Amino acid sequence: TAFLISFFPIVVNVATGLATIEPETEDVLRALGAKK
């Protein structure tokens, strides 16, 4: 129960941090040859 009630904020914050990478940053890195 402690696990089920506490893991959702961690998932949301980590996923949000990854999903909000600036598109300009990704474009520049891809132009430099970086992979996903």
All heavy atoms as atom14 arrays in JSON, in Angstrom:
{
  "sequence": "TAFLISFFPIVVNVATGLATIEPETEDVLRALGAKK",
  "atom14_mask": [
    [1, 1, 1, 1, 1, 1, 1, 0, 0, 0, 0, 0, 0, 0],
    [1, 1, 1, 1, 1, 0, 0, 0, 0, 0, 0, 0, 0, 0],
    [1, 1, 1, 1, 1, 1, 1, 1, 1, 1, 1, 0, 0, 0],
    [1, 1, 1, 1, 1, 1, 1, 1, 0, 0, 0, 0, 0, 0],
    [1, 1, 1, 1, 1, 1, 1, 1, 0, 0, 0, 0, 0, 0],
    [1, 1, 1, 1, 1, 1, 0, 0, 0, 0, 0, 0, 0, 0],
    [1, 1, 1, 1, 1, 1, 1, 1, 1, 1, 1, 0, 0, 0],
    [1, 1, 1, 1, 1, 1, 1, 1, 1, 1, 1, 0, 0, 0],
    [1, 1, 1, 1, 1, 1, 1, 0, 0, 0, 0, 0, 0, 0],
    [1, 1, 1, 1, 1, 1, 1, 1, 0, 0, 0, 0, 0, 0],
    [1, 1, 1, 1, 1, 1, 1, 0, 0, 0, 0, 0, 0, 0],
    [1, 1, 1, 1, 1, 1, 1, 0, 0, 0, 0, 0, 0, 0],
    [1, 1, 1, 1, 1, 1, 1, 1, 0, 0, 0, 0, 0, 0],
    [1, 1, 1, 1, 1, 1, 1, 0, 0, 0, 0, 0, 0, 0],
    [1, 1, 1, 1, 1, 0, 0, 0, 0, 0, 0, 0, 0, 0],
    [1, 1, 1, 1, 1, 1, 1, 0, 0, 0, 0, 0, 0, 0],
    [1, 1, 1, 1, 0, 0, 0, 0, 0, 0, 0, 0, 0, 0],
    [1, 1, 1, 1, 1, 1, 1, 1, 0, 0, 0, 0, 0, 0],
    [1, 1, 1, 1, 1, 0, 0, 0, 0, 0, 0, 0, 0, 0],
    [1, 1, 1, 1, 1, 1, 1, 0, 0, 0, 0, 0, 0, 0],
    [1, 1, 1, 1, 1, 1, 1, 1, 0, 0, 0, 0, 0, 0],
    [1, 1, 1, 1, 1, 1, 1, 1, 1, 0, 0, 0, 0, 0],
    [1, 1, 1, 1, 1, 1, 1, 0, 0, 0, 0, 0, 0, 0],
    [1, 1, 1, 1, 1, 1, 1, 1, 1, 0, 0, 0, 0, 0],
    [1, 1, 1, 1, 1, 1, 1, 0, 0, 0, 0, 0, 0, 0],
    [1, 1, 1, 1, 1, 1, 1, 1, 1, 0, 0, 0, 0, 0],
    [1, 1, 1, 1, 1, 1, 1, 1, 0, 0, 0, 0, 0, 0],
    [1, 1, 1, 1, 1, 1, 1, 0, 0, 0, 0, 0, 0, 0],
    [1, 1, 1, 1, 1, 1, 1, 1, 0, 0, 0, 0, 0, 0],
    [1, 1, 1, 1, 1, 1, 1, 1, 1, 1, 1, 0, 0, 0],
    [1, 1, 1, 1, 1, 0, 0, 0, 0, 0, 0, 0, 0, 0],
    [1, 1, 1, 1, 1, 1, 1, 1, 0, 0, 0, 0, 0, 0],
    [1, 1, 1, 1, 0, 0, 0, 0, 0, 0, 0, 0, 0, 0],
    [1, 1, 1, 1, 1, 0, 0, 0, 0, 0, 0, 0, 0, 0],
    [1, 1, 1, 1, 1, 1, 1, 1, 1, 0, 0, 0, 0, 0],
    [1, 1, 1, 1, 1, 1, 1, 1, 1, 0, 0, 0, 0, 0]
  ],
  "atom14_positions": [
    [[0.83, -1.21, 0.0], [0.0, 0.0, 0.0], [0.86, 1.25, 0.0], [0.56, 2.23, -0.71], [-0.93, 0.01, 1.22], [-1.66, -1.21, 1.28], [-1.92, 1.16, 1.14], [0.0, 0.0, 0.0], [0.0, 0.0, 0.0], [0.0, 0.0, 0.0], [0.0, 0.0, 0.0], [0.0, 0.0, 0.0], [0.0, 0.0, 0.0], [0.0, 0.0, 0.0]],
    [[1.94, 1.24, 0.77], [2.87, 2.37, 0.76], [3.48, 2.55, -0.63], [3.65, 3.67, -1.11], [3.98, 2.15, 1.79], [0.0, 0.0, 0.0], [0.0, 0.0, 0.0], [0.0, 0.0, 0.0], [0.0, 0.0, 0.0], [0.0, 0.0, 0.0], [0.0, 0.0, 0.0], [0.0, 0.0, 0.0], [0.0, 0.0, 0.0], [0.0, 0.0, 0.0]],
    [[3.8, 1.44, -1.28], [4.34, 1.51, -2.63], [3.31, 2.07, -3.62], [3.62, 2.97, -4.41], [4.8, 0.12, -3.07], [4.85, -0.07, -4.56], [5.82, 0.56, -5.33], [3.92, -0.89, -5.19], [5.85, 0.39, -6.7], [3.95, -1.06, -6.56], [4.92, -0.42, -7.32], [0.0, 0.0, 0.0], [0.0, 0.0, 0.0], [0.0, 0.0, 0.0]],
    [[2.1, 1.55, -3.58], [1.08, 1.94, -4.56], [0.7, 3.4, -4.44], [0.4, 4.05, -5.45], [-0.16, 1.06, -4.38], [0.0, -0.42, -4.75], [-1.26, -1.19, -4.38], [0.32, -0.58, -6.22], [0.0, 0.0, 0.0], [0.0, 0.0, 0.0], [0.0, 0.0, 0.0], [0.0, 0.0, 0.0], [0.0, 0.0, 0.0], [0.0, 0.0, 0.0]],
    [[0.72, 3.93, -3.23], [0.27, 5.31, -3.05], [1.39, 6.31, -3.27], [1.13, 7.51, -3.48], [-0.33, 5.49, -1.63], [-1.25, 6.71, -1.58], [0.75, 5.62, -0.58], [-2.01, 6.84, -0.28], [0.0, 0.0, 0.0], [0.0, 0.0, 0.0], [0.0, 0.0, 0.0], [0.0, 0.0, 0.0], [0.0, 0.0, 0.0], [0.0, 0.0, 0.0]],
    [[2.65, 5.85, -3.26], [3.76, 6.8, -3.35], [4.51, 6.79, -4.68], [5.28, 7.71, -4.95], [4.77, 6.53, -2.23], [5.33, 5.23, -2.35], [0.0, 0.0, 0.0], [0.0, 0.0, 0.0], [0.0, 0.0, 0.0], [0.0, 0.0, 0.0], [0.0, 0.0, 0.0], [0.0, 0.0, 0.0], [0.0, 0.0, 0.0], [0.0, 0.0, 0.0]],
    [[4.28, 5.77, -5.52], [5.08, 5.73, -6.74], [4.55, 6.64, -7.84], [5.3, 7.03, -8.74], [5.2, 4.29, -7.25], [4.12, 3.89, -8.22], [4.41, 3.75, -9.57], [2.84, 3.62, -7.8], [3.44, 3.36, -10.47], [1.86, 3.24, -8.69], [2.16, 3.11, -10.03], [0.0, 0.0, 0.0], [0.0, 0.0, 0.0], [0.0, 0.0, 0.0]],
    [[3.25, 7.01, -7.78], [2.69, 7.84, -8.85], [3.35, 9.21, -8.95], [3.66, 9.65, -10.07], [1.18, 7.99, -8.64], [0.49, 8.74, -9.75], [0.26, 8.15, -10.97], [0.08, 10.05, -9.55], [-0.37, 8.85, -11.99], [-0.54, 10.76, -10.56], [-0.78, 10.15, -11.79], [0.0, 0.0, 0.0], [0.0, 0.0, 0.0], [0.0, 0.0, 0.0]],
    [[3.58, 9.95, -7.85], [4.28, 11.24, -8.0], [5.66, 11.11, -8.61], [6.1, 11.99, -9.37], [4.36, 11.78, -6.56], [3.28, 11.07, -5.83], [3.19, 9.72, -6.45], [0.0, 0.0, 0.0], [0.0, 0.0, 0.0], [0.0, 0.0, 0.0], [0.0, 0.0, 0.0], [0.0, 0.0, 0.0], [0.0, 0.0, 0.0], [0.0, 0.0, 0.0]],
    [[6.35, 10.01, -8.32], [7.68, 9.82, -8.89], [7.57, 9.6, -10.39], [8.33, 10.18, -11.19], [8.38, 8.63, -8.2], [8.51, 8.9, -6.7], [9.75, 8.38, -8.82], [9.08, 7.73, -5.92], [0.0, 0.0, 0.0], [0.0, 0.0, 0.0], [0.0, 0.0, 0.0], [0.0, 0.0, 0.0], [0.0, 0.0, 0.0], [0.0, 0.0, 0.0]],
    [[6.63, 8.76, -10.81], [6.44, 8.48, -12.23], [6.09, 9.77, -12.98], [6.66, 10.07, -14.04], [5.33, 7.43, -12.44], [4.98, 7.28, -13.91], [5.76, 6.1, -11.86], [0.0, 0.0, 0.0], [0.0, 0.0, 0.0], [0.0, 0.0, 0.0], [0.0, 0.0, 0.0], [0.0, 0.0, 0.0], [0.0, 0.0, 0.0], [0.0, 0.0, 0.0]],
    [[5.17, 10.54, -12.44], [4.71, 11.75, -13.11], [5.86, 12.75, -13.26], [6.05, 13.33, -14.34], [3.54, 12.38, -12.34], [3.23, 13.77, -12.88], [2.33, 11.49, -12.42], [0.0, 0.0, 0.0], [0.0, 0.0, 0.0], [0.0, 0.0, 0.0], [0.0, 0.0, 0.0], [0.0, 0.0, 0.0], [0.0, 0.0, 0.0], [0.0, 0.0, 0.0]],
    [[6.63, 12.95, -12.22], [7.69, 13.94, -12.28], [8.82, 13.52, -13.22], [9.34, 14.35, -13.98], [8.24, 14.2, -10.88], [7.37, 15.14, -10.08], [7.52, 16.35, -10.13], [6.45, 14.58, -9.31], [0.0, 0.0, 0.0], [0.0, 0.0, 0.0], [0.0, 0.0, 0.0], [0.0, 0.0, 0.0], [0.0, 0.0, 0.0], [0.0, 0.0, 0.0]],
    [[9.2, 12.25, -13.19], [10.25, 11.79, -14.1], [9.78, 11.87, -15.55], [10.51, 12.35, -16.43], [10.68, 10.36, -13.74], [11.65, 9.81, -14.78], [11.33, 10.33, -12.37], [0.0, 0.0, 0.0], [0.0, 0.0, 0.0], [0.0, 0.0, 0.0], [0.0, 0.0, 0.0], [0.0, 0.0, 0.0], [0.0, 0.0, 0.0], [0.0, 0.0, 0.0]],
    [[8.56, 11.4, -15.81], [8.03, 11.45, -17.17], [7.87, 12.89, -17.66], [8.15, 13.19, -18.83], [6.69, 10.72, -17.23], [0.0, 0.0, 0.0], [0.0, 0.0, 0.0], [0.0, 0.0, 0.0], [0.0, 0.0, 0.0], [0.0, 0.0, 0.0], [0.0, 0.0, 0.0], [0.0, 0.0, 0.0], [0.0, 0.0, 0.0], [0.0, 0.0, 0.0]],
    [[7.46, 13.78, -16.77], [7.32, 15.19, -17.15], [8.67, 15.8, -17.48], [8.81, 16.55, -18.46], [6.64, 15.97, -16.02], [5.36, 15.42, -15.75], [6.49, 17.44, -16.4], [0.0, 0.0, 0.0], [0.0, 0.0, 0.0], [0.0, 0.0, 0.0], [0.0, 0.0, 0.0], [0.0, 0.0, 0.0], [0.0, 0.0, 0.0], [0.0, 0.0, 0.0]],
    [[9.69, 15.48, -16.68], [11.02, 16.0, -16.97], [11.55, 15.55, -18.31], [12.21, 16.33, -19.02], [0.0, 0.0, 0.0], [0.0, 0.0, 0.0], [0.0, 0.0, 0.0], [0.0, 0.0, 0.0], [0.0, 0.0, 0.0], [0.0, 0.0, 0.0], [0.0, 0.0, 0.0], [0.0, 0.0, 0.0], [0.0, 0.0, 0.0], [0.0, 0.0, 0.0]],
    [[11.24, 14.31, -18.7], [11.69, 13.81, -19.99], [10.85, 14.36, -21.14], [11.38, 14.63, -22.22], [11.64, 12.28, -20.01], [12.6, 11.55, -19.08], [12.34, 10.05, -19.12], [14.05, 11.83, -19.46], [0.0, 0.0, 0.0], [0.0, 0.0, 0.0], [0.0, 0.0, 0.0], [0.0, 0.0, 0.0], [0.0, 0.0, 0.0], [0.0, 0.0, 0.0]],
    [[9.55, 14.5, -20.89], [8.65, 14.92, -21.97], [8.73, 16.4, -22.28], [8.21, 16.84, -23.31], [7.21, 14.55, -21.62], [0.0, 0.0, 0.0], [0.0, 0.0, 0.0], [0.0, 0.0, 0.0], [0.0, 0.0, 0.0], [0.0, 0.0, 0.0], [0.0, 0.0, 0.0], [0.0, 0.0, 0.0], [0.0, 0.0, 0.0], [0.0, 0.0, 0.0]],
    [[9.37, 17.18, -21.43], [9.41, 18.63, -21.64], [10.78, 19.11, -22.12], [11.13, 20.27, -21.93], [9.05, 19.36, -20.33], [9.91, 18.91, -19.27], [7.61, 19.1, -19.95], [0.0, 0.0, 0.0], [0.0, 0.0, 0.0], [0.0, 0.0, 0.0], [0.0, 0.0, 0.0], [0.0, 0.0, 0.0], [0.0, 0.0, 0.0], [0.0, 0.0, 0.0]],
    [[11.53, 18.21, -22.74], [12.78, 18.66, -23.36], [12.44, 19.6, -24.51], [11.56, 19.31, -25.33], [13.6, 17.46, -23.89], [13.94, 16.5, -22.75], [14.87, 17.92, -24.57], [14.65, 15.25, -23.2], [0.0, 0.0, 0.0], [0.0, 0.0, 0.0], [0.0, 0.0, 0.0], [0.0, 0.0, 0.0], [0.0, 0.0, 0.0], [0.0, 0.0, 0.0]],
    [[13.13, 20.73, -24.6], [12.83, 21.71, -25.64], [13.05, 21.1, -27.02], [14.08, 20.46, -27.28], [13.71, 22.95, -25.49], [13.44, 23.76, -24.24], [14.14, 23.2, -23.01], [14.78, 22.13, -23.13], [14.04, 23.83, -21.94], [0.0, 0.0, 0.0], [0.0, 0.0, 0.0], [0.0, 0.0, 0.0], [0.0, 0.0, 0.0], [0.0, 0.0, 0.0]],
    [[12.09, 21.28, -27.93], [12.27, 20.74, -29.29], [13.52, 21.29, -29.97], [14.16, 20.59, -30.75], [10.99, 21.19, -30.01], [9.98, 21.41, -28.92], [10.78, 21.9, -27.75], [0.0, 0.0, 0.0], [0.0, 0.0, 0.0], [0.0, 0.0, 0.0], [0.0, 0.0, 0.0], [0.0, 0.0, 0.0], [0.0, 0.0, 0.0], [0.0, 0.0, 0.0]],
    [[13.87, 22.56, -29.67], [15.06, 23.14, -30.27], [16.32, 22.38, -29.85], [17.23, 22.17, -30.65], [15.2, 24.61, -29.89], [14.07, 25.51, -30.38], [12.84, 25.44, -29.48], [12.89, 24.71, -28.45], [11.82, 26.08, -29.83], [0.0, 0.0, 0.0], [0.0, 0.0, 0.0], [0.0, 0.0, 0.0], [0.0, 0.0, 0.0], [0.0, 0.0, 0.0]],
    [[16.34, 21.95, -28.58], [17.49, 21.19, -28.09], [17.6, 19.86, -28.82], [18.68, 19.43, -29.24], [17.37, 20.96, -26.58], [17.26, 22.22, -25.91], [18.57, 20.2, -26.05], [0.0, 0.0, 0.0], [0.0, 0.0, 0.0], [0.0, 0.0, 0.0], [0.0, 0.0, 0.0], [0.0, 0.0, 0.0], [0.0, 0.0, 0.0], [0.0, 0.0, 0.0]],
    [[16.47, 19.17, -28.97], [16.49, 17.9, -29.69], [16.92, 18.1, -31.14], [17.68, 17.27, -31.68], [15.11, 17.25, -29.63], [14.68, 16.81, -28.23], [13.43, 15.94, -28.28], [13.35, 15.05, -29.16], [12.55, 16.14, -27.44], [0.0, 0.0, 0.0], [0.0, 0.0, 0.0], [0.0, 0.0, 0.0], [0.0, 0.0, 0.0], [0.0, 0.0, 0.0]],
    [[16.44, 19.16, -31.78], [16.8, 19.39, -33.18], [18.3, 19.64, -33.33], [18.94, 19.12, -34.25], [16.01, 20.59, -33.72], [14.52, 20.32, -33.8], [14.15, 19.12, -33.82], [13.74, 21.29, -33.82], [0.0, 0.0, 0.0], [0.0, 0.0, 0.0], [0.0, 0.0, 0.0], [0.0, 0.0, 0.0], [0.0, 0.0, 0.0], [0.0, 0.0, 0.0]],
    [[18.85, 20.42, -32.41], [20.29, 20.7, -32.48], [21.1, 19.43, -32.28], [22.08, 19.15, -33.0], [20.68, 21.78, -31.45], [22.19, 21.92, -31.35], [20.05, 23.11, -31.81], [0.0, 0.0, 0.0], [0.0, 0.0, 0.0], [0.0, 0.0, 0.0], [0.0, 0.0, 0.0], [0.0, 0.0, 0.0], [0.0, 0.0, 0.0], [0.0, 0.0, 0.0]],
    [[20.71, 18.61, -31.29], [21.44, 17.38, -31.01], [21.32, 16.39, -32.17], [22.3, 15.7, -32.52], [20.93, 16.75, -29.72], [21.22, 17.54, -28.43], [20.54, 16.89, -27.24], [22.72, 17.63, -28.19], [0.0, 0.0, 0.0], [0.0, 0.0, 0.0], [0.0, 0.0, 0.0], [0.0, 0.0, 0.0], [0.0, 0.0, 0.0], [0.0, 0.0, 0.0]],
    [[20.15, 16.31, -32.78], [20.0, 15.41, -33.93], [20.82, 15.9, -35.11], [21.39, 15.09, -35.86], [18.52, 15.3, -34.32], [17.69, 14.47, -33.35], [16.39, 14.02, -33.99], [15.61, 13.17, -33.08], [14.63, 13.59, -32.33], [14.27, 14.87, -32.34], [13.98, 12.75, -31.54], [0.0, 0.0, 0.0], [0.0, 0.0, 0.0], [0.0, 0.0, 0.0]],
    [[20.89, 17.21, -35.27], [21.71, 17.76, -36.36], [23.18, 17.47, -36.15], [23.95, 17.34, -37.11], [21.48, 19.27, -36.46], [0.0, 0.0, 0.0], [0.0, 0.0, 0.0], [0.0, 0.0, 0.0], [0.0, 0.0, 0.0], [0.0, 0.0, 0.0], [0.0, 0.0, 0.0], [0.0, 0.0, 0.0], [0.0, 0.0, 0.0], [0.0, 0.0, 0.0]],
    [[23.59, 17.32, -34.89], [24.98, 16.98, -34.58], [25.24, 15.48, -34.6], [26.35, 15.04, -34.29], [25.35, 17.55, -33.2], [25.35, 19.08, -33.08], [25.6, 19.5, -31.65], [26.4, 19.69, -34.01], [0.0, 0.0, 0.0], [0.0, 0.0, 0.0], [0.0, 0.0, 0.0], [0.0, 0.0, 0.0], [0.0, 0.0, 0.0], [0.0, 0.0, 0.0]],
    [[24.22, 14.71, -34.95], [24.39, 13.27, -35.07], [24.01, 12.46, -33.85], [24.29, 11.26, -33.8], [0.0, 0.0, 0.0], [0.0, 0.0, 0.0], [0.0, 0.0, 0.0], [0.0, 0.0, 0.0], [0.0, 0.0, 0.0], [0.0, 0.0, 0.0], [0.0, 0.0, 0.0], [0.0, 0.0, 0.0], [0.0, 0.0, 0.0], [0.0, 0.0, 0.0]],
    [[23.38, 13.08, -32.86], [23.0, 12.34, -31.66], [21.79, 11.47, -31.92], [20.86, 11.86, -32.64], [22.71, 13.32, -30.53], [0.0, 0.0, 0.0], [0.0, 0.0, 0.0], [0.0, 0.0, 0.0], [0.0, 0.0, 0.0], [0.0, 0.0, 0.0], [0.0, 0.0, 0.0], [0.0, 0.0, 0.0], [0.0, 0.0, 0.0], [0.0, 0.0, 0.0]],
    [[21.78, 10.28, -31.33], [20.66, 9.38, -31.44], [19.69, 9.59, -30.28], [19.96, 10.35, -29.36], [21.14, 7.93, -31.47], [22.05, 7.61, -32.65], [22.5, 6.16, -32.61], [23.42, 5.84, -33.78], [23.9, 4.43, -33.76], [0.0, 0.0, 0.0], [0.0, 0.0, 0.0], [0.0, 0.0, 0.0], [0.0, 0.0, 0.0], [0.0, 0.0, 0.0]],
    [[18.55, 8.9, -30.35], [17.55, 9.04, -29.3], [18.12, 8.67, -27.94], [17.89, 9.36, -26.94], [16.35, 8.14, -29.63], [15.25, 8.14, -28.58], [14.52, 9.46, -28.53], [13.32, 9.39, -27.61], [12.59, 10.67, -27.52], [0.0, 0.0, 0.0], [0.0, 0.0, 0.0], [0.0, 0.0, 0.0], [0.0, 0.0, 0.0], [0.0, 0.0, 0.0]]
  ]
}
